[in-house]
Structure formats: C-alpha cells, structure tokens
Amino acid sequence: MTFLKEFKEFAVKGNMMDMAIGIIIGAAFNKVIDVLVKKVLLPPLSLMTDGLNYQDNKWVLRDEVLNSTGDVSMKEVAIEYGVLFETFLDFLIVGFTVFLVVKAMNRLRTKAQDPKNKVVATPKDIELLSQLTELMKEQNKLLKKEK
C-alpha cells in the first residue's frame, strides 16, 4: 500500500478530523483559561495580598550589572516563580475541566453501551453482541434440557 493511500484511509476514517477539531478547540480553550487566570483570578488575589503581582514574583540570584554608560553589561539571573504559579493555576483549571468532560463522556458511554437502557441509543455493535449473548443463553438452556 502506498503512503498516500494509507494517509487517505486515515483521513477518511475521521481520526484526523476528530484530532484536528480537538486541537482547535483545545487551543481556544487554553486562551480562555489564560485570560481567566490573568484577568479574573489573579487581580483579586493580588488585591488580597496588598497589590502583589504574582507574575512579577522572582528570586534574584544575581542582579543586573550596569557599565559606566548605564547600559546593561550582565543581565539579571532570576528564578521567576510567579510565572510558574500562574502556569500551575492554568494547568489545574484545564486539568479539572478535562476531568469533568471525560467523566461526563464516560457516563454517557456506559449508558449507551447498556442495551437495556432505552433512553440513550445503543450502538449497533453493542446491540448485536447483546442479542447474540441472549441467543447463546437460550441455546445453552435448550441443550441442557436435551441431556
């Protein structure tokens, strides 16, 4: 099979489209969470800590050194833990949201895979397997009666 033919089968099956949609939605969601953290959550937190801007928090290891003309000859070396805090907050929000979405999807999947549940449409493969299982049980009962 040629490479292009394999790629065409992959793209047509929907895997690529699902992945592309997920990436696009994920990128947009990331922007929303970024704004939520920077513009909604951190300002009140900064207000509660007497105007402390978390993004600017850093631990300076070496101050910048200026030469005689006032230009920077050696840059400052610092660990910027405020940015780490902000990124960690982003991660927690995204992680919690993904957890809730996956939990809801799993709940819907289990309802859909239950052939006895008539509220949610059961996929055909699960429905056929359920019917096959019931037929096998009936056949086993008949075989036991014959013995």
Protein backbone atom coordinates (compact mmCIF):
# COMPACT_ATOMS: atom_id res chain seq x y z
CA MET A 1 0.00 0.00 0.00
CA THR A 2 1.39 3.39 -0.89
CA PHE A 3 1.93 6.11 1.65
CA LEU A 4 -0.69 8.40 0.07
CA LYS A 5 -3.29 5.64 0.02
CA GLU A 6 -2.68 4.91 3.72
CA PHE A 7 -2.92 8.62 4.54
CA LYS A 8 -6.18 8.89 2.58
CA GLU A 9 -7.70 5.97 4.52
CA PHE A 10 -6.56 7.53 7.79
CA ALA A 11 -8.06 10.92 6.90
CA VAL A 12 -11.33 9.47 5.59
CA LYS A 13 -11.94 7.34 8.70
CA GLY A 14 -12.43 10.52 10.70
CA ASN A 15 -9.48 10.12 13.04
CA MET A 16 -7.69 13.10 11.54
CA MET A 17 -10.78 15.30 11.58
CA ASP A 18 -11.54 14.41 15.20
CA MET A 19 -7.96 15.17 16.17
CA ALA A 20 -7.94 18.50 14.27
CA ILE A 21 -11.19 19.59 15.90
CA GLY A 22 -9.86 18.62 19.32
CA ILE A 23 -6.65 20.60 18.79
CA ILE A 24 -8.51 23.70 17.60
CA ILE A 25 -10.97 23.59 20.49
CA GLY A 26 -8.11 22.92 22.92
CA ALA A 27 -6.17 25.96 21.67
CA ALA A 28 -9.22 28.19 22.01
CA PHE A 29 -9.95 26.76 25.47
CA ASN A 30 -6.35 27.43 26.50
CA LYS A 31 -6.75 31.12 25.57
CA VAL A 32 -9.94 31.34 27.63
CA ILE A 33 -8.24 29.78 30.67
CA ASP A 34 -5.21 32.06 30.24
CA VAL A 35 -7.43 35.15 30.32
CA LEU A 36 -9.45 33.71 33.21
CA VAL A 37 -6.32 33.26 35.30
CA LYS A 38 -4.54 36.52 34.35
CA LYS A 39 -7.50 38.89 34.23
CA VAL A 40 -10.10 37.37 36.56
CA LEU A 41 -8.47 35.24 39.26
CA LEU A 42 -5.07 36.87 39.83
CA PRO A 43 -6.23 40.53 40.25
CA PRO A 44 -8.42 39.77 43.32
CA LEU A 45 -5.65 37.57 44.68
CA SER A 46 -3.22 40.45 44.14
CA LEU A 47 -5.62 42.80 45.91
CA MET A 48 -5.83 40.46 48.90
CA THR A 49 -2.03 40.35 49.13
CA ASP A 50 -1.66 44.16 49.16
CA GLY A 51 -1.01 44.68 45.45
CA LEU A 52 1.49 41.84 44.97
CA ASN A 53 1.65 40.99 41.26
CA TYR A 54 2.22 37.23 41.08
CA GLN A 55 3.57 37.30 37.54
CA ASP A 56 6.43 39.58 38.61
CA ASN A 57 7.50 37.45 41.59
CA LYS A 58 11.03 36.18 41.24
CA TRP A 59 14.01 35.13 43.25
CA VAL A 60 17.01 37.10 42.06
CA LEU A 61 20.20 35.07 42.02
CA ARG A 62 22.33 37.83 40.53
CA ASP A 63 21.38 41.48 39.98
CA GLU A 64 22.00 43.05 36.62
CA VAL A 65 25.30 44.88 36.29
CA LEU A 66 25.48 48.27 34.58
CA ASN A 67 28.61 49.63 32.97
CA SER A 68 29.80 53.24 33.23
CA THR A 69 27.46 54.43 30.44
CA GLY A 70 24.41 52.93 32.14
CA ASP A 71 23.99 50.07 29.70
CA VAL A 72 23.45 46.54 30.97
CA SER A 73 26.73 44.62 30.82
CA MET A 74 25.44 41.49 32.60
CA LYS A 75 21.76 40.56 32.66
CA GLU A 76 19.90 39.68 35.81
CA VAL A 77 19.68 35.99 36.67
CA ALA A 78 16.45 35.09 38.45
CA ILE A 79 14.04 32.24 39.08
CA GLU A 80 10.61 33.54 38.10
CA TYR A 81 8.34 31.53 40.39
CA GLY A 82 5.40 33.90 39.82
CA VAL A 83 5.10 32.72 36.21
CA LEU A 84 5.32 29.14 37.47
CA PHE A 85 2.45 29.82 39.89
CA GLU A 86 0.35 31.29 37.09
CA THR A 87 1.07 28.36 34.77
CA PHE A 88 0.31 25.88 37.54
CA LEU A 89 -3.05 27.58 38.13
CA ASP A 90 -3.76 27.33 34.39
CA PHE A 91 -2.87 23.64 34.49
CA LEU A 92 -5.15 22.95 37.47
CA ILE A 93 -8.13 24.62 35.81
CA VAL A 94 -7.58 22.85 32.47
CA GLY A 95 -6.96 19.52 34.19
CA PHE A 96 -10.10 19.80 36.31
CA THR A 97 -12.20 20.79 33.28
CA VAL A 98 -10.85 17.89 31.20
CA PHE A 99 -11.59 15.55 34.13
CA LEU A 100 -15.21 16.75 34.24
CA VAL A 101 -15.63 16.37 30.46
CA VAL A 102 -14.13 12.86 30.44
CA LYS A 103 -16.28 11.86 33.41
CA ALA A 104 -19.43 13.07 31.62
CA MET A 105 -18.41 11.30 28.40
CA ASN A 106 -17.76 8.05 30.27
CA ARG A 107 -21.17 8.27 31.93
CA LEU A 108 -22.83 8.75 28.52
CA ARG A 109 -20.78 5.90 27.04
CA THR A 110 -21.81 3.47 29.76
CA LYS A 111 -25.46 4.45 29.29
CA ALA A 112 -25.15 3.99 25.52
CA GLN A 113 -23.46 0.59 25.90
CA ASP A 114 -26.23 -0.75 28.14
CA PRO A 115 -28.65 -2.48 25.73
CA LYS A 116 -31.41 -2.48 28.36
CA ASN A 117 -31.33 1.32 28.68
CA LYS A 118 -33.83 2.66 26.15
CA VAL A 119 -33.23 6.35 26.94
CA VAL A 120 -29.91 6.51 25.04
CA ALA A 121 -29.50 4.89 21.63
CA THR A 122 -27.26 1.82 21.85
CA PRO A 123 -24.61 1.45 19.12
CA LYS A 124 -25.38 -1.33 16.63
CA ASP A 125 -22.33 -3.42 17.52
CA ILE A 126 -23.25 -3.48 21.22
CA GLU A 127 -26.88 -4.23 20.36
CA LEU A 128 -25.89 -7.14 18.10
CA LEU A 129 -23.50 -8.55 20.71
CA SER A 130 -26.25 -8.35 23.31
CA GLN A 131 -28.67 -10.20 21.05
CA LEU A 132 -26.01 -12.81 20.31
CA THR A 133 -25.40 -13.31 24.04
CA GLU A 134 -29.13 -13.80 24.67
CA LEU A 135 -29.38 -16.33 21.82
CA MET A 136 -26.42 -18.27 23.20
CA LYS A 137 -28.05 -18.39 26.65
CA GLU A 138 -31.27 -19.73 25.12
CA GLN A 139 -29.32 -22.32 23.13
CA ASN A 140 -27.47 -23.47 26.27
CA LYS A 141 -30.79 -23.88 28.10
CA LEU A 142 -32.18 -26.00 25.27
CA LEU A 143 -29.03 -28.15 25.19
CA LYS A 144 -29.24 -28.72 28.95
CA LYS A 145 -32.90 -29.85 28.67
CA GLU A 146 -31.99 -32.42 25.98
CA LYS A 147 -29.45 -34.14 28.24
